N, C-alpha and C. Protein backbone atom coordinates (compact mmCIF):
# COMPACT_ATOMS: atom_id res chain seq x y z
N MET A 1 -30.01 -14.62 -5.00
CA MET A 1 -28.58 -14.78 -4.80
C MET A 1 -27.85 -13.55 -5.35
N ALA A 2 -26.91 -13.03 -4.57
CA ALA A 2 -26.17 -11.83 -4.98
C ALA A 2 -25.23 -12.15 -6.13
N GLU A 3 -25.07 -11.16 -6.99
CA GLU A 3 -24.17 -11.32 -8.13
C GLU A 3 -22.73 -11.28 -7.64
N ALA A 4 -21.90 -12.12 -8.21
CA ALA A 4 -20.48 -12.18 -7.83
C ALA A 4 -19.78 -10.87 -8.18
N PRO A 5 -18.86 -10.43 -7.33
CA PRO A 5 -18.10 -9.21 -7.64
C PRO A 5 -17.34 -9.37 -8.95
N LYS A 6 -17.31 -8.29 -9.73
CA LYS A 6 -16.66 -8.34 -11.03
C LYS A 6 -15.60 -7.27 -11.22
N VAL A 7 -15.74 -6.16 -10.49
CA VAL A 7 -14.81 -5.05 -10.65
C VAL A 7 -14.18 -4.69 -9.30
N VAL A 8 -13.08 -3.98 -9.36
CA VAL A 8 -12.35 -3.60 -8.16
C VAL A 8 -13.23 -2.88 -7.15
N GLY A 9 -14.11 -2.02 -7.63
CA GLY A 9 -14.98 -1.27 -6.73
C GLY A 9 -15.86 -2.15 -5.87
N ASP A 10 -16.08 -3.39 -6.28
CA ASP A 10 -16.91 -4.32 -5.51
C ASP A 10 -16.19 -4.88 -4.29
N VAL A 11 -14.86 -4.89 -4.30
CA VAL A 11 -14.11 -5.54 -3.22
C VAL A 11 -13.10 -4.63 -2.52
N MET A 12 -12.85 -3.46 -3.06
CA MET A 12 -11.81 -2.59 -2.51
C MET A 12 -12.17 -2.08 -1.11
N THR A 13 -11.16 -1.73 -0.37
CA THR A 13 -11.33 -1.06 0.91
C THR A 13 -11.45 0.43 0.61
N GLN A 14 -12.51 1.05 1.09
CA GLN A 14 -12.74 2.46 0.77
C GLN A 14 -12.14 3.42 1.79
N ASP A 15 -12.11 3.01 3.04
CA ASP A 15 -11.58 3.87 4.09
C ASP A 15 -10.08 3.63 4.19
N VAL A 16 -9.31 4.38 3.41
CA VAL A 16 -7.88 4.13 3.26
C VAL A 16 -7.07 5.14 4.06
N PHE A 17 -6.16 4.64 4.87
CA PHE A 17 -5.23 5.51 5.56
C PHE A 17 -4.12 5.87 4.58
N THR A 18 -3.73 7.13 4.55
CA THR A 18 -2.63 7.56 3.68
C THR A 18 -1.53 8.20 4.53
N LEU A 19 -0.38 8.31 3.94
CA LEU A 19 0.74 9.03 4.55
C LEU A 19 1.20 10.10 3.59
N GLU A 20 1.65 11.21 4.15
CA GLU A 20 2.27 12.23 3.31
C GLU A 20 3.72 11.81 3.05
N HIS A 21 4.22 12.20 1.91
CA HIS A 21 5.55 11.73 1.51
C HIS A 21 6.67 12.19 2.43
N ASN A 22 6.44 13.23 3.21
CA ASN A 22 7.48 13.72 4.13
C ASN A 22 7.35 13.18 5.55
N GLU A 23 6.40 12.27 5.80
CA GLU A 23 6.26 11.66 7.13
C GLU A 23 7.49 10.82 7.44
N LYS A 24 7.79 10.70 8.73
CA LYS A 24 8.89 9.83 9.16
C LYS A 24 8.50 8.37 8.93
N LEU A 25 9.49 7.55 8.65
CA LEU A 25 9.23 6.12 8.51
C LEU A 25 8.67 5.52 9.79
N SER A 26 9.01 6.10 10.93
CA SER A 26 8.48 5.60 12.20
C SER A 26 6.97 5.73 12.26
N VAL A 27 6.41 6.77 11.64
CA VAL A 27 4.95 6.94 11.60
C VAL A 27 4.34 5.81 10.77
N ALA A 28 4.94 5.52 9.62
CA ALA A 28 4.45 4.42 8.78
C ALA A 28 4.51 3.11 9.54
N ASP A 29 5.60 2.87 10.25
CA ASP A 29 5.75 1.64 11.03
C ASP A 29 4.66 1.54 12.10
N ASP A 30 4.42 2.62 12.82
CA ASP A 30 3.38 2.63 13.86
C ASP A 30 2.00 2.36 13.29
N VAL A 31 1.67 3.03 12.19
CA VAL A 31 0.35 2.86 11.56
C VAL A 31 0.16 1.42 11.12
N MET A 32 1.18 0.85 10.52
CA MET A 32 1.06 -0.53 10.04
C MET A 32 0.89 -1.52 11.19
N ARG A 33 1.67 -1.33 12.24
CA ARG A 33 1.57 -2.25 13.38
C ARG A 33 0.23 -2.10 14.09
N LEU A 34 -0.19 -0.87 14.37
CA LEU A 34 -1.43 -0.65 15.11
C LEU A 34 -2.66 -0.97 14.27
N GLY A 35 -2.60 -0.65 12.97
CA GLY A 35 -3.74 -0.90 12.10
C GLY A 35 -3.75 -2.27 11.48
N ARG A 36 -2.67 -3.02 11.71
CA ARG A 36 -2.53 -4.36 11.13
C ARG A 36 -2.71 -4.33 9.61
N ILE A 37 -2.02 -3.38 8.99
CA ILE A 37 -2.06 -3.25 7.53
C ILE A 37 -0.63 -3.36 7.00
N ARG A 38 -0.53 -3.73 5.72
CA ARG A 38 0.80 -3.94 5.13
C ARG A 38 1.15 -2.96 4.03
N HIS A 39 0.18 -2.19 3.55
CA HIS A 39 0.44 -1.26 2.45
C HIS A 39 -0.27 0.06 2.73
N ILE A 40 0.43 1.17 2.51
CA ILE A 40 -0.17 2.48 2.71
C ILE A 40 0.15 3.35 1.50
N PRO A 41 -0.89 3.89 0.83
CA PRO A 41 -0.64 4.84 -0.25
C PRO A 41 0.02 6.11 0.30
N VAL A 42 0.91 6.67 -0.49
CA VAL A 42 1.62 7.89 -0.12
C VAL A 42 1.14 9.01 -1.03
N VAL A 43 0.81 10.16 -0.43
CA VAL A 43 0.31 11.30 -1.19
C VAL A 43 1.27 12.47 -1.08
N ASP A 44 1.24 13.33 -2.10
CA ASP A 44 2.06 14.54 -2.06
C ASP A 44 1.29 15.67 -1.40
N ASP A 45 1.84 16.87 -1.46
CA ASP A 45 1.21 18.02 -0.80
C ASP A 45 -0.15 18.36 -1.38
N ASP A 46 -0.42 17.94 -2.62
CA ASP A 46 -1.70 18.21 -3.27
C ASP A 46 -2.69 17.06 -3.11
N GLY A 47 -2.29 16.00 -2.42
CA GLY A 47 -3.19 14.86 -2.20
C GLY A 47 -3.16 13.83 -3.30
N ALA A 48 -2.27 14.00 -4.29
CA ALA A 48 -2.16 13.02 -5.37
C ALA A 48 -1.34 11.82 -4.89
N VAL A 49 -1.75 10.62 -5.30
CA VAL A 49 -1.01 9.41 -4.93
C VAL A 49 0.30 9.38 -5.71
N VAL A 50 1.41 9.30 -4.97
CA VAL A 50 2.73 9.32 -5.60
C VAL A 50 3.53 8.06 -5.35
N GLY A 51 3.02 7.19 -4.49
CA GLY A 51 3.74 5.97 -4.19
C GLY A 51 2.98 5.10 -3.21
N VAL A 52 3.59 3.99 -2.86
CA VAL A 52 3.04 3.07 -1.86
C VAL A 52 4.21 2.64 -0.99
N VAL A 53 4.00 2.61 0.32
CA VAL A 53 5.01 2.08 1.22
C VAL A 53 4.45 0.81 1.85
N SER A 54 5.29 -0.20 1.93
CA SER A 54 4.85 -1.49 2.47
C SER A 54 5.70 -1.87 3.68
N GLN A 55 5.24 -2.86 4.42
CA GLN A 55 6.04 -3.38 5.53
C GLN A 55 7.40 -3.84 5.03
N ARG A 56 7.41 -4.46 3.89
CA ARG A 56 8.67 -4.95 3.32
C ARG A 56 9.61 -3.79 3.02
N ASP A 57 9.07 -2.68 2.52
CA ASP A 57 9.90 -1.50 2.26
C ASP A 57 10.55 -1.00 3.54
N LEU A 58 9.76 -0.95 4.62
CA LEU A 58 10.30 -0.48 5.90
C LEU A 58 11.40 -1.41 6.39
N PHE A 59 11.15 -2.70 6.29
CA PHE A 59 12.12 -3.69 6.75
C PHE A 59 13.44 -3.57 5.99
N PHE A 60 13.36 -3.57 4.67
CA PHE A 60 14.58 -3.52 3.88
C PHE A 60 15.31 -2.19 4.02
N ASN A 61 14.55 -1.10 4.11
CA ASN A 61 15.17 0.21 4.28
C ASN A 61 15.95 0.26 5.59
N ALA A 62 15.32 -0.21 6.66
CA ALA A 62 15.99 -0.21 7.97
C ALA A 62 17.18 -1.18 7.97
N LEU A 63 16.99 -2.33 7.36
CA LEU A 63 18.05 -3.34 7.33
C LEU A 63 19.28 -2.84 6.59
N LEU A 64 19.07 -2.25 5.43
CA LEU A 64 20.20 -1.77 4.64
C LEU A 64 20.99 -0.69 5.36
N ARG A 65 20.28 0.14 6.10
CA ARG A 65 20.97 1.23 6.79
C ARG A 65 21.55 0.82 8.14
N ALA A 66 21.03 -0.26 8.70
CA ALA A 66 21.42 -0.64 10.06
C ALA A 66 22.35 -1.85 10.14
N LEU A 67 22.67 -2.45 9.02
CA LEU A 67 23.52 -3.66 9.05
C LEU A 67 24.77 -3.42 9.88
N GLY A 68 24.93 -4.26 10.87
CA GLY A 68 26.11 -4.15 11.70
C GLY A 68 26.01 -3.16 12.84
N TYR A 69 24.88 -2.45 12.96
CA TYR A 69 24.79 -1.42 13.99
C TYR A 69 23.75 -1.72 15.06
N GLY A 70 23.07 -2.85 14.98
CA GLY A 70 22.12 -3.25 16.01
C GLY A 70 20.76 -2.61 15.91
N SER A 71 19.89 -2.94 16.86
CA SER A 71 18.50 -2.47 16.82
C SER A 71 18.38 -0.97 17.02
N TYR A 72 19.32 -0.36 17.75
CA TYR A 72 19.28 1.09 17.94
C TYR A 72 19.36 1.80 16.59
N ALA A 73 20.25 1.33 15.74
CA ALA A 73 20.41 1.95 14.42
C ALA A 73 19.16 1.77 13.59
N SER A 74 18.52 0.61 13.71
CA SER A 74 17.29 0.37 12.96
C SER A 74 16.21 1.36 13.39
N GLN A 75 16.03 1.57 14.69
CA GLN A 75 15.02 2.51 15.18
C GLN A 75 15.40 3.93 14.78
N LYS A 76 16.68 4.26 14.85
CA LYS A 76 17.13 5.59 14.46
C LYS A 76 16.83 5.83 12.98
N THR A 77 17.00 4.79 12.17
CA THR A 77 16.68 4.90 10.75
C THR A 77 15.21 5.26 10.55
N LEU A 78 14.33 4.60 11.29
CA LEU A 78 12.89 4.89 11.16
C LEU A 78 12.57 6.31 11.58
N GLU A 79 13.34 6.87 12.50
CA GLU A 79 13.11 8.24 12.96
C GLU A 79 13.68 9.27 11.99
N GLU A 80 14.80 8.95 11.36
CA GLU A 80 15.49 9.93 10.53
C GLU A 80 15.01 9.99 9.09
N TYR A 81 14.64 8.85 8.54
CA TYR A 81 14.29 8.82 7.13
C TYR A 81 12.80 9.03 6.92
N ARG A 82 12.47 9.46 5.72
CA ARG A 82 11.09 9.80 5.36
C ARG A 82 10.47 8.71 4.50
N VAL A 83 9.15 8.73 4.46
CA VAL A 83 8.41 7.77 3.65
C VAL A 83 8.87 7.81 2.20
N LYS A 84 9.13 9.01 1.68
CA LYS A 84 9.54 9.13 0.28
C LYS A 84 10.86 8.42 0.00
N ASP A 85 11.66 8.17 1.06
CA ASP A 85 12.93 7.47 0.88
C ASP A 85 12.76 5.97 0.71
N ALA A 86 11.61 5.44 1.11
CA ALA A 86 11.40 3.99 1.09
C ALA A 86 10.27 3.54 0.17
N MET A 87 9.42 4.46 -0.27
CA MET A 87 8.22 4.06 -1.02
C MET A 87 8.55 3.59 -2.42
N HIS A 88 7.62 2.79 -2.97
CA HIS A 88 7.70 2.37 -4.37
C HIS A 88 7.10 3.48 -5.24
N GLU A 89 7.83 3.85 -6.25
CA GLU A 89 7.33 4.80 -7.23
C GLU A 89 7.94 4.48 -8.58
N PRO A 90 7.33 4.80 -9.68
CA PRO A 90 6.00 5.40 -9.78
C PRO A 90 4.93 4.40 -9.33
N VAL A 91 3.87 4.94 -8.82
CA VAL A 91 2.79 4.11 -8.30
C VAL A 91 1.97 3.53 -9.45
N ILE A 92 1.57 2.28 -9.29
CA ILE A 92 0.69 1.63 -10.25
C ILE A 92 -0.69 1.63 -9.63
N THR A 93 -1.67 2.17 -10.34
CA THR A 93 -3.03 2.30 -9.81
C THR A 93 -4.03 1.61 -10.72
N CYS A 94 -5.26 1.57 -10.25
CA CYS A 94 -6.36 1.10 -11.09
C CYS A 94 -7.57 1.97 -10.79
N ARG A 95 -8.66 1.70 -11.47
CA ARG A 95 -9.91 2.46 -11.29
C ARG A 95 -10.96 1.53 -10.67
N PRO A 96 -12.01 2.10 -10.10
CA PRO A 96 -13.06 1.26 -9.50
C PRO A 96 -13.70 0.31 -10.50
N ASN A 97 -13.75 0.71 -11.78
CA ASN A 97 -14.39 -0.14 -12.79
C ASN A 97 -13.42 -1.10 -13.47
N THR A 98 -12.19 -1.20 -12.96
CA THR A 98 -11.22 -2.16 -13.49
C THR A 98 -11.70 -3.58 -13.17
N PRO A 99 -11.76 -4.46 -14.17
CA PRO A 99 -12.15 -5.85 -13.89
C PRO A 99 -11.20 -6.48 -12.87
N LEU A 100 -11.75 -7.30 -11.99
CA LEU A 100 -10.93 -7.96 -10.97
C LEU A 100 -9.82 -8.79 -11.60
N SER A 101 -10.12 -9.45 -12.70
CA SER A 101 -9.10 -10.29 -13.36
C SER A 101 -7.93 -9.44 -13.84
N GLU A 102 -8.21 -8.25 -14.34
CA GLU A 102 -7.15 -7.35 -14.81
C GLU A 102 -6.31 -6.85 -13.63
N ALA A 103 -6.96 -6.49 -12.53
CA ALA A 103 -6.24 -6.02 -11.35
C ALA A 103 -5.34 -7.12 -10.79
N ALA A 104 -5.87 -8.34 -10.71
CA ALA A 104 -5.09 -9.47 -10.20
C ALA A 104 -3.90 -9.75 -11.11
N ARG A 105 -4.13 -9.70 -12.40
CA ARG A 105 -3.05 -9.94 -13.37
C ARG A 105 -1.95 -8.88 -13.23
N THR A 106 -2.35 -7.63 -13.07
CA THR A 106 -1.37 -6.54 -12.89
C THR A 106 -0.54 -6.77 -11.64
N MET A 107 -1.20 -7.13 -10.54
CA MET A 107 -0.49 -7.37 -9.29
C MET A 107 0.49 -8.53 -9.42
N LEU A 108 0.08 -9.58 -10.11
CA LEU A 108 0.97 -10.73 -10.32
C LEU A 108 2.16 -10.37 -11.21
N GLU A 109 1.88 -9.70 -12.32
CA GLU A 109 2.93 -9.35 -13.28
C GLU A 109 3.95 -8.38 -12.68
N LYS A 110 3.46 -7.42 -11.91
CA LYS A 110 4.34 -6.40 -11.33
C LYS A 110 4.90 -6.81 -9.97
N LYS A 111 4.41 -7.96 -9.46
CA LYS A 111 4.85 -8.47 -8.15
C LYS A 111 4.63 -7.43 -7.05
N ILE A 112 3.40 -6.92 -7.00
CA ILE A 112 3.02 -5.94 -5.98
C ILE A 112 1.84 -6.48 -5.19
N GLY A 113 1.71 -6.03 -3.96
CA GLY A 113 0.68 -6.54 -3.07
C GLY A 113 -0.58 -5.72 -3.00
N CYS A 114 -0.60 -4.58 -3.71
CA CYS A 114 -1.81 -3.76 -3.68
C CYS A 114 -1.85 -2.84 -4.89
N LEU A 115 -3.04 -2.31 -5.11
CA LEU A 115 -3.24 -1.27 -6.12
C LEU A 115 -4.09 -0.18 -5.50
N PRO A 116 -3.56 1.04 -5.38
CA PRO A 116 -4.43 2.15 -4.99
C PRO A 116 -5.48 2.35 -6.09
N VAL A 117 -6.70 2.65 -5.68
CA VAL A 117 -7.79 2.84 -6.62
C VAL A 117 -8.05 4.34 -6.74
N VAL A 118 -7.92 4.85 -7.96
CA VAL A 118 -8.00 6.29 -8.20
C VAL A 118 -9.10 6.58 -9.21
N GLU A 119 -9.85 7.65 -8.92
CA GLU A 119 -10.89 8.10 -9.85
C GLU A 119 -10.86 9.62 -9.87
N ASP A 120 -10.79 10.18 -11.08
CA ASP A 120 -10.70 11.63 -11.25
C ASP A 120 -9.55 12.23 -10.44
N GLY A 121 -8.42 11.52 -10.41
CA GLY A 121 -7.25 12.01 -9.72
C GLY A 121 -7.27 11.88 -8.21
N GLN A 122 -8.33 11.31 -7.66
CA GLN A 122 -8.47 11.18 -6.21
C GLN A 122 -8.43 9.72 -5.78
N LEU A 123 -7.79 9.46 -4.66
CA LEU A 123 -7.76 8.12 -4.10
C LEU A 123 -9.14 7.79 -3.54
N VAL A 124 -9.73 6.70 -4.02
CA VAL A 124 -11.06 6.30 -3.54
C VAL A 124 -11.04 4.94 -2.85
N GLY A 125 -9.89 4.26 -2.87
CA GLY A 125 -9.81 2.96 -2.22
C GLY A 125 -8.48 2.30 -2.47
N ILE A 126 -8.40 1.06 -2.00
CA ILE A 126 -7.21 0.24 -2.24
C ILE A 126 -7.67 -1.21 -2.34
N VAL A 127 -7.08 -1.94 -3.26
CA VAL A 127 -7.36 -3.37 -3.37
C VAL A 127 -6.05 -4.10 -3.10
N THR A 128 -6.12 -5.12 -2.25
CA THR A 128 -4.91 -5.83 -1.81
C THR A 128 -5.04 -7.32 -2.06
N GLU A 129 -3.92 -8.01 -1.87
CA GLU A 129 -3.92 -9.47 -1.96
C GLU A 129 -4.97 -10.05 -1.02
N SER A 130 -5.09 -9.47 0.16
CA SER A 130 -6.05 -9.95 1.16
C SER A 130 -7.48 -9.84 0.66
N ASP A 131 -7.78 -8.80 -0.12
CA ASP A 131 -9.13 -8.66 -0.68
C ASP A 131 -9.45 -9.82 -1.62
N PHE A 132 -8.46 -10.24 -2.40
CA PHE A 132 -8.67 -11.37 -3.31
C PHE A 132 -8.83 -12.68 -2.55
N VAL A 133 -8.03 -12.85 -1.49
CA VAL A 133 -8.16 -14.06 -0.68
C VAL A 133 -9.53 -14.10 -0.02
N ALA A 134 -9.99 -12.97 0.52
CA ALA A 134 -11.31 -12.91 1.15
C ALA A 134 -12.41 -13.21 0.15
N LEU A 135 -12.27 -12.72 -1.07
CA LEU A 135 -13.25 -12.99 -2.12
C LEU A 135 -13.34 -14.48 -2.40
N ILE A 136 -12.21 -15.13 -2.52
CA ILE A 136 -12.19 -16.57 -2.77
C ILE A 136 -12.78 -17.33 -1.59
N ALA A 137 -12.44 -16.91 -0.38
CA ALA A 137 -12.95 -17.57 0.82
C ALA A 137 -14.47 -17.48 0.92
N ARG A 138 -15.03 -16.37 0.40
CA ARG A 138 -16.49 -16.20 0.40
C ARG A 138 -17.15 -16.93 -0.76
N GLY A 139 -16.34 -17.53 -1.62
CA GLY A 139 -16.89 -18.26 -2.75
C GLY A 139 -17.18 -17.38 -3.94
N GLY A 140 -16.54 -16.20 -4.00
CA GLY A 140 -16.79 -15.23 -5.07
C GLY A 140 -16.01 -15.44 -6.29
């Protein structure tokens, strides 16, 4: 019988799509819809993780700027504004060897849906609420 996962590295998604901080919000929206993902780590020009953008960030950013102006204004907002204008920062991260219980506690306390996983300054994965749900569903 396989040993139950104990650390973030056991359950994290390793193939992580990232966005550069100067990308248009429309790119983030397209990636999320096509990839069926809700959180994307944001990197700076040096590849360091500087934030996270979520579907909720896109929604609220567009809503705040488009109130009263209809769907055209919402789409225009996604074209004009950049990821850095909507992302959460400073970013809260964890390491691959972070215990799952600690990662879950951090996500609950900070009310965030994901933690980028960083090792030696490099993004190596992401752990999300969905990863924890999948773990429970598998009996882990």
